[in-house]
Amino acid sequence: MLGAGSLPPYRIKAHAAGCPIAEVEIWNRDLAKAQRLAHDLGDMPDVRITATAHLQEAVSQAHIVSA
């Protein structure tokens, strides 16, 4: 997920509802905001949610990129 504003939580949950997602990486210009969102979404069962500071690496390894 690119961004940690008001819409990403809904987008992450929508993607997870539509297909099996085991891992989500959240990138934001402000790493602390990405970490906060990852923590707030920690209640999603069977999905590992982390924040990352490495945009290019995360995007290059992703199956789905959402912004």
N, C-alpha and C. Protein backbone atom coordinates (compact mmCIF):
# COMPACT_ATOMS: atom_id res chain seq x y z
N MET A 1 0.84 -1.15 0.00
CA MET A 1 0.00 0.00 0.00
C MET A 1 0.89 1.23 0.00
N LEU A 2 0.61 2.14 -0.88
CA LEU A 2 1.35 3.40 -0.94
C LEU A 2 0.49 4.47 -0.28
N GLY A 3 0.92 4.93 0.85
CA GLY A 3 0.19 5.96 1.57
C GLY A 3 -0.40 5.42 2.86
N ALA A 4 -0.61 6.34 3.80
CA ALA A 4 -1.15 5.95 5.10
C ALA A 4 -2.20 6.96 5.56
N GLY A 5 -2.93 7.51 4.61
CA GLY A 5 -3.96 8.49 4.94
C GLY A 5 -5.27 7.83 5.35
N SER A 6 -6.37 8.46 5.01
CA SER A 6 -7.67 7.97 5.46
C SER A 6 -8.22 6.81 4.62
N LEU A 7 -7.87 6.71 3.35
CA LEU A 7 -8.41 5.65 2.49
C LEU A 7 -7.68 4.31 2.54
N PRO A 8 -6.38 4.26 2.73
CA PRO A 8 -5.68 2.97 2.72
C PRO A 8 -6.25 1.88 3.63
N PRO A 9 -6.73 2.18 4.83
CA PRO A 9 -7.29 1.07 5.63
C PRO A 9 -8.46 0.38 4.92
N TYR A 10 -9.30 1.17 4.26
CA TYR A 10 -10.45 0.60 3.54
C TYR A 10 -9.99 -0.17 2.31
N ARG A 11 -8.98 0.34 1.61
CA ARG A 11 -8.47 -0.35 0.43
C ARG A 11 -7.83 -1.68 0.81
N ILE A 12 -7.06 -1.68 1.88
CA ILE A 12 -6.42 -2.92 2.33
C ILE A 12 -7.47 -3.97 2.68
N LYS A 13 -8.49 -3.56 3.43
CA LYS A 13 -9.55 -4.50 3.81
C LYS A 13 -10.35 -4.97 2.60
N ALA A 14 -10.57 -4.10 1.63
CA ALA A 14 -11.29 -4.49 0.42
C ALA A 14 -10.49 -5.51 -0.39
N HIS A 15 -9.20 -5.27 -0.56
CA HIS A 15 -8.35 -6.22 -1.28
C HIS A 15 -8.35 -7.57 -0.56
N ALA A 16 -8.22 -7.54 0.76
CA ALA A 16 -8.16 -8.79 1.54
C ALA A 16 -9.50 -9.54 1.49
N ALA A 17 -10.59 -8.82 1.35
CA ALA A 17 -11.90 -9.47 1.27
C ALA A 17 -12.09 -10.15 -0.08
N GLY A 18 -11.41 -9.63 -1.10
CA GLY A 18 -11.61 -10.15 -2.45
C GLY A 18 -10.66 -11.26 -2.85
N CYS A 19 -9.53 -11.37 -2.19
CA CYS A 19 -8.58 -12.42 -2.53
C CYS A 19 -7.70 -12.72 -1.31
N PRO A 20 -7.14 -13.91 -1.28
CA PRO A 20 -6.32 -14.27 -0.12
C PRO A 20 -5.01 -13.48 -0.10
N ILE A 21 -4.86 -12.66 0.90
CA ILE A 21 -3.65 -11.86 1.06
C ILE A 21 -3.02 -12.23 2.39
N ALA A 22 -1.77 -12.64 2.35
CA ALA A 22 -1.07 -13.05 3.57
C ALA A 22 -0.21 -11.94 4.14
N GLU A 23 0.18 -10.99 3.29
CA GLU A 23 1.13 -9.97 3.74
C GLU A 23 0.82 -8.63 3.08
N VAL A 24 0.90 -7.57 3.87
CA VAL A 24 0.74 -6.21 3.37
C VAL A 24 1.90 -5.38 3.88
N GLU A 25 2.53 -4.65 2.97
CA GLU A 25 3.56 -3.69 3.36
C GLU A 25 3.01 -2.30 3.08
N ILE A 26 3.16 -1.42 4.05
CA ILE A 26 2.67 -0.04 3.91
C ILE A 26 3.86 0.88 3.84
N TRP A 27 3.90 1.71 2.79
CA TRP A 27 4.92 2.72 2.65
C TRP A 27 4.25 4.08 2.71
N ASN A 28 4.90 5.01 3.35
CA ASN A 28 4.46 6.39 3.40
C ASN A 28 5.70 7.26 3.52
N ARG A 29 5.64 8.47 3.02
CA ARG A 29 6.80 9.37 3.16
C ARG A 29 7.19 9.53 4.61
N ASP A 30 6.20 9.51 5.49
CA ASP A 30 6.44 9.57 6.93
C ASP A 30 6.32 8.16 7.48
N LEU A 31 7.46 7.53 7.75
CA LEU A 31 7.47 6.13 8.20
C LEU A 31 6.63 5.93 9.46
N ALA A 32 6.63 6.91 10.34
CA ALA A 32 5.85 6.78 11.58
C ALA A 32 4.36 6.62 11.28
N LYS A 33 3.86 7.30 10.27
CA LYS A 33 2.44 7.15 9.89
C LYS A 33 2.17 5.76 9.34
N ALA A 34 3.10 5.23 8.56
CA ALA A 34 2.95 3.87 8.03
C ALA A 34 2.97 2.87 9.18
N GLN A 35 3.84 3.08 10.13
CA GLN A 35 3.91 2.18 11.29
C GLN A 35 2.63 2.25 12.12
N ARG A 36 2.08 3.43 12.28
CA ARG A 36 0.84 3.60 13.03
C ARG A 36 -0.31 2.87 12.35
N LEU A 37 -0.40 3.00 11.02
CA LEU A 37 -1.45 2.32 10.28
C LEU A 37 -1.28 0.80 10.37
N ALA A 38 -0.06 0.32 10.24
CA ALA A 38 0.20 -1.12 10.37
C ALA A 38 -0.25 -1.62 11.74
N HIS A 39 0.03 -0.85 12.76
CA HIS A 39 -0.39 -1.21 14.12
C HIS A 39 -1.92 -1.20 14.23
N ASP A 40 -2.55 -0.17 13.68
CA ASP A 40 -4.01 -0.05 13.76
C ASP A 40 -4.73 -1.17 13.03
N LEU A 41 -4.11 -1.72 11.98
CA LEU A 41 -4.72 -2.80 11.21
C LEU A 41 -4.30 -4.18 11.72
N GLY A 42 -3.66 -4.22 12.85
CA GLY A 42 -3.17 -5.47 13.41
C GLY A 42 -4.25 -6.47 13.77
N ASP A 43 -5.51 -6.06 13.69
CA ASP A 43 -6.62 -6.96 14.03
C ASP A 43 -7.09 -7.82 12.86
N MET A 44 -6.42 -7.70 11.71
CA MET A 44 -6.82 -8.50 10.55
C MET A 44 -6.23 -9.90 10.69
N PRO A 45 -7.07 -10.91 10.85
CA PRO A 45 -6.55 -12.27 11.06
C PRO A 45 -5.86 -12.80 9.80
N ASP A 46 -4.80 -13.54 10.01
CA ASP A 46 -4.08 -14.22 8.93
C ASP A 46 -3.41 -13.28 7.94
N VAL A 47 -3.26 -12.00 8.28
CA VAL A 47 -2.57 -11.04 7.40
C VAL A 47 -1.46 -10.39 8.21
N ARG A 48 -0.22 -10.52 7.70
CA ARG A 48 0.93 -9.88 8.35
C ARG A 48 1.06 -8.48 7.75
N ILE A 49 0.93 -7.47 8.58
CA ILE A 49 0.97 -6.09 8.11
C ILE A 49 2.17 -5.39 8.73
N THR A 50 3.02 -4.84 7.86
CA THR A 50 4.22 -4.15 8.32
C THR A 50 4.37 -2.83 7.58
N ALA A 51 5.16 -1.95 8.16
CA ALA A 51 5.52 -0.69 7.51
C ALA A 51 6.91 -0.86 6.91
N THR A 52 7.15 -0.16 5.82
CA THR A 52 8.46 -0.22 5.17
C THR A 52 8.92 1.17 4.79
N ALA A 53 10.21 1.37 4.82
CA ALA A 53 10.81 2.62 4.37
C ALA A 53 11.37 2.48 2.96
N HIS A 54 11.27 1.27 2.40
CA HIS A 54 11.93 0.95 1.13
C HIS A 54 10.89 0.78 0.02
N LEU A 55 10.49 1.88 -0.58
CA LEU A 55 9.44 1.88 -1.58
C LEU A 55 9.76 1.00 -2.78
N GLN A 56 10.90 1.22 -3.41
CA GLN A 56 11.23 0.49 -4.63
C GLN A 56 11.28 -1.02 -4.39
N GLU A 57 11.87 -1.44 -3.30
CA GLU A 57 11.95 -2.86 -2.99
C GLU A 57 10.56 -3.46 -2.75
N ALA A 58 9.74 -2.75 -2.00
CA ALA A 58 8.39 -3.25 -1.71
C ALA A 58 7.56 -3.38 -2.99
N VAL A 59 7.61 -2.37 -3.83
CA VAL A 59 6.83 -2.40 -5.08
C VAL A 59 7.33 -3.50 -6.01
N SER A 60 8.65 -3.68 -6.07
CA SER A 60 9.19 -4.69 -6.99
C SER A 60 8.83 -6.11 -6.57
N GLN A 61 8.51 -6.33 -5.30
CA GLN A 61 8.17 -7.66 -4.81
C GLN A 61 6.67 -7.88 -4.67
N ALA A 62 5.87 -6.85 -4.90
CA ALA A 62 4.43 -6.93 -4.65
C ALA A 62 3.68 -7.56 -5.81
N HIS A 63 2.61 -8.27 -5.46
CA HIS A 63 1.69 -8.81 -6.46
C HIS A 63 0.60 -7.79 -6.77
N ILE A 64 0.25 -6.99 -5.77
CA ILE A 64 -0.75 -5.93 -5.91
C ILE A 64 -0.13 -4.65 -5.34
N VAL A 65 -0.26 -3.56 -6.08
CA VAL A 65 0.18 -2.25 -5.59
C VAL A 65 -1.04 -1.34 -5.62
N SER A 66 -1.34 -0.73 -4.49
CA SER A 66 -2.51 0.13 -4.39
C SER A 66 -2.07 1.45 -3.78
N ALA A 67 -2.64 2.53 -4.30
CA ALA A 67 -2.28 3.87 -3.79
C ALA A 67 -3.52 4.71 -3.58
